[in-house]
Protein backbone atom coordinates (compact mmCIF):
# COMPACT_ATOMS: atom_id res chain seq x y z
CA MET A 1 67.96 121.05 89.03
CA LEU A 2 70.40 122.16 91.72
CA SER A 3 68.80 119.74 94.18
CA THR A 4 69.17 116.85 91.74
CA THR A 5 72.82 117.69 91.10
CA LYS A 6 73.46 117.88 94.85
CA SER A 7 71.78 114.50 95.31
CA TYR A 8 74.00 112.95 92.63
CA GLY A 9 77.06 114.45 94.28
CA VAL A 10 76.15 112.97 97.67
CA THR A 11 75.50 109.57 96.08
CA LEU A 12 78.86 109.60 94.32
CA ALA A 13 80.63 110.66 97.51
CA VAL A 14 79.02 107.85 99.49
CA PHE A 15 79.84 105.35 96.74
CA ALA A 16 83.46 106.48 96.65
CA ALA A 17 83.75 106.22 100.42
CA LEU A 18 82.26 102.73 100.44
CA THR A 19 84.55 101.60 97.61
CA THR A 20 87.62 102.99 99.34
CA GLY A 21 86.63 101.37 102.61
CA LEU A 22 85.96 98.02 100.95
CA THR A 23 89.31 98.14 99.17
CA ALA A 24 91.11 98.88 102.45
CA ILE A 25 89.34 95.98 104.17
CA ILE A 26 90.24 93.55 101.36
CA ASN A 27 93.87 94.69 101.41
CA THR A 28 94.01 94.19 105.18
CA LEU A 29 92.47 90.73 104.97
CA THR A 30 94.74 89.54 102.14
CA GLU A 31 98.00 91.19 103.20
CA THR A 32 98.76 88.59 105.87
CA THR A 33 97.99 85.71 103.52
CA ILE A 34 100.17 87.15 100.75
CA THR A 35 103.05 87.72 103.20
CA LYS A 36 102.79 84.15 104.50
CA GLN A 37 102.77 82.72 100.99
CA THR A 38 105.78 84.81 100.00
CA MET A 39 107.72 83.66 103.05
CA LEU A 40 106.74 80.04 102.41
CA GLN A 41 107.91 80.19 98.81
CA GLN A 42 111.17 81.80 99.90
CA LYS A 43 111.69 79.06 102.53
CA MET A 44 111.11 76.37 99.91
CA LEU A 45 113.68 77.97 97.60
CA LEU A 46 116.24 78.28 100.38
CA ASP A 47 115.75 74.61 101.22
CA GLU A 48 116.48 73.73 97.59
CA VAL A 49 119.93 75.33 97.73
CA ILE A 50 120.76 74.38 101.33
CA PRO A 51 119.09 71.08 102.30
CA ILE A 52 117.46 71.22 105.73
CA ASN A 53 119.76 68.55 107.20
CA ASN A 54 122.61 71.07 106.94
CA TYR A 55 121.21 73.61 109.41
CA ASN A 56 118.65 74.14 112.17
CA ASN A 57 118.18 77.91 112.45
CA ASN A 58 115.63 80.14 110.71
CA MET A 59 117.67 81.35 107.75
CA GLN A 60 115.05 83.92 106.79
CA GLU A 61 115.71 85.69 110.08
CA GLU A 62 119.47 85.70 109.43
CA CYS A 63 119.44 87.88 106.34
CA TYR A 64 122.28 90.24 105.48
CA VAL A 65 122.94 92.66 102.64
CA VAL A 66 126.27 92.36 100.86
CA THR A 67 127.85 94.13 97.91
CA ASP A 68 130.81 92.77 95.98
CA SER A 69 131.85 92.61 92.34
CA ALA A 70 132.30 88.83 92.73
CA LEU A 71 128.49 88.65 92.76
CA GLY A 72 128.28 89.91 89.19
CA ASP A 73 127.45 93.55 89.86
CA LEU A 74 127.64 96.13 92.61
CA THR A 75 123.97 96.14 93.56
CA PRO A 76 123.00 94.90 97.06
CA HIS A 77 122.53 91.13 97.30
CA ARG A 78 120.83 89.27 100.13
CA LEU A 79 122.72 86.57 102.01
CA TYR A 80 121.01 84.05 104.30
CA LEU A 81 123.15 82.42 106.98
CA ALA A 82 122.81 78.77 108.03
CA ARG A 83 123.90 77.64 111.49
CA ASN A 84 124.41 74.19 113.01
CA ASN A 85 123.16 72.77 116.34
CA HIS A 86 125.80 74.74 118.24
CA GLY A 87 124.91 78.02 116.57
CA GLN A 88 128.02 78.05 114.42
CA PRO A 89 127.74 79.42 110.86
CA VAL A 90 128.21 76.51 108.46
CA ALA A 91 126.87 77.71 105.11
CA ALA A 92 125.02 80.49 103.34
CA ALA A 93 122.56 81.02 100.52
CA ILE A 94 123.19 84.15 98.52
CA GLU A 95 121.63 86.00 95.62
CA THR A 96 124.08 86.45 92.78
CA THR A 97 124.16 87.52 89.15
CA ALA A 98 125.64 86.20 85.93
CA PRO A 99 125.88 89.52 84.08
CA ASP A 100 126.93 88.02 80.76
CA GLY A 101 124.04 85.75 79.80
CA TYR A 102 123.09 85.59 76.13
CA SER A 103 119.98 87.72 76.68
CA GLY A 104 121.11 89.76 79.64
CA ALA A 105 121.72 89.23 83.33
CA ILE A 106 120.80 85.90 84.91
CA HIS A 107 119.86 86.02 88.59
CA LEU A 108 120.61 83.04 90.79
CA LEU A 109 120.45 81.78 94.35
CA VAL A 110 123.52 79.77 95.34
CA GLY A 111 124.03 77.78 98.52
CA ALA A 112 127.48 76.65 99.66
CA ASP A 113 129.47 75.91 102.78
CA PHE A 114 132.50 77.98 103.70
CA HIS A 115 134.98 75.45 102.33
CA GLY A 116 134.02 75.79 98.68
CA LYS A 117 131.41 73.05 98.42
CA VAL A 118 128.22 73.82 96.49
CA LEU A 119 125.08 72.65 98.28
CA GLY A 120 122.61 73.79 95.65
CA SER A 121 121.81 76.44 93.06
CA ARG A 122 118.75 77.75 91.29
CA VAL A 123 118.06 80.35 88.62
CA ILE A 124 115.47 82.78 89.93
CA GLU A 125 115.17 85.11 86.93
CA HIS A 126 116.42 85.03 83.34
CA HIS A 127 115.55 86.07 79.80
CA GLU A 128 117.40 83.35 77.90
CA THR A 129 116.12 81.98 74.59
CA PRO A 130 113.31 79.40 74.93
CA GLY A 131 114.42 76.00 73.74
CA LEU A 132 118.12 76.89 74.02
CA GLY A 133 119.44 78.87 76.96
CA ASP A 134 116.38 78.33 79.12
CA LYS A 135 117.68 74.87 80.09
CA ILE A 136 119.26 76.60 83.08
CA ASP A 137 115.74 76.79 84.53
CA ILE A 138 114.87 73.86 86.82
CA ARG A 139 111.39 73.82 85.29
CA ILE A 140 112.94 73.01 81.91
CA SER A 141 115.82 70.67 82.78
CA ASP A 142 117.89 69.44 85.72
CA TRP A 143 121.12 70.99 84.39
CA ILE A 144 121.36 73.47 87.29
CA THR A 145 121.44 70.58 89.79
CA ARG A 146 124.84 69.41 88.46
CA PHE A 147 126.58 71.98 90.66
CA SER A 148 125.45 70.33 93.89
CA GLY A 149 128.30 68.56 95.65
CA GLN A 150 130.99 70.12 93.45
CA GLN A 151 133.99 71.74 95.11
CA VAL A 152 135.65 74.99 94.08
CA ILE A 153 139.35 74.72 94.88
CA GLY A 154 140.39 78.19 93.80
CA GLU A 155 140.21 80.90 91.19
CA LYS A 156 142.19 78.81 88.67
CA ASP A 157 140.18 75.61 89.18
CA SER A 158 139.99 74.37 85.58
CA HIS A 159 137.13 71.98 86.32
CA TRP A 160 134.83 74.97 86.64
CA ALA A 161 134.08 75.47 82.96
CA ILE A 162 131.85 73.96 80.33
CA LYS A 163 133.21 70.90 78.50
CA LYS A 164 133.83 72.96 75.38
CA ASP A 165 136.34 74.96 77.44
CA GLY A 166 137.91 71.93 79.11
CA GLY A 167 135.68 71.79 82.19
CA ILE A 168 133.17 69.27 83.54
CA PHE A 169 129.83 70.98 82.91
CA ASP A 170 127.66 70.29 79.87
CA GLN A 171 126.96 73.04 77.40
CA PHE A 172 123.72 73.22 75.45
CA THR A 173 123.45 72.40 71.77
CA GLY A 174 123.58 75.73 69.98
CA ALA A 175 123.94 77.67 73.20
CA SER A 176 127.24 77.79 75.07
CA ILE A 177 127.13 81.42 76.21
CA THR A 178 124.37 80.85 78.75
CA PRO A 179 125.85 77.84 80.61
CA ARG A 180 129.32 79.40 80.48
CA ALA A 181 127.95 82.51 82.21
CA VAL A 182 126.18 80.49 84.91
CA VAL A 183 129.20 78.27 85.61
CA ARG A 184 131.40 81.34 86.02
CA ALA A 185 128.87 83.05 88.29
CA VAL A 186 128.44 80.04 90.57
CA LYS A 187 132.21 79.58 90.83
CA ASN A 188 132.82 83.25 91.69
CA THR A 189 129.99 83.23 94.20
CA VAL A 190 131.29 80.15 96.01
CA LEU A 191 134.76 81.70 96.20
CA TYR A 192 133.16 84.80 97.70
CA LEU A 193 131.25 82.73 100.28
CA LYS A 194 134.54 81.24 101.47
CA THR A 195 135.44 84.74 102.72
CA ILE A 196 132.24 85.27 104.71
CA PRO A 197 133.28 83.82 108.12
CA ALA A 198 135.93 86.53 108.44
CA LYS A 199 133.36 89.21 107.60
CA LEU A 200 130.42 88.12 109.76
CA SER A 201 130.79 90.83 112.38
CA ARG A 202 130.74 93.51 109.68
CA LEU A 203 127.72 92.33 107.71
CA THR A 204 124.68 94.58 107.50
CA PRO A 205 121.34 92.98 108.52
CA CYS A 206 118.65 93.22 105.86
CA GLY A 207 116.43 95.39 108.02
CA ASN A 208 119.11 98.03 108.39
CA ASN A 209 119.77 98.84 104.74
């Protein structure tokens, strides 16, 4: 009886060791592929908010962490810097938040130059109502693309509002809270990006936070 129990114990130990080893091997083999896919998807998203003809550096390698209430909250947000042929900073893509969406915070990626011009914007996470507020999602409608090419003159720029409030951006039928929140967030973010050139030397690289 003791011998049988010992035999079972050895078998289980060997099985556990083999399973653990196999899992480690699979993780090692897939880790590189997963990392590459993640980086590729991130690159595609960055190119949607800052078209590739606007820069020639590797934006993913020029990542900084910034914190400012203009970005919707005081959590760290990642900023990706775009440079021209001469290495001069010309634009940035930055994570930002619309804290006052209908169903909670809306997370965006906004690209703009340092003169207040929007180059692109995308919603990267939201919980807005399907069929109403979810039209901010590029997979549902092209509403989010209406920001591209628009200029933010200043804090009191009245164009930056939904039409219901006297601005130029469409609201959704039965849902004005969501687009109003996104318009405000994009405007505030672009105004913040206009201040970045003066802060470049003080920015914290992503790897150092």
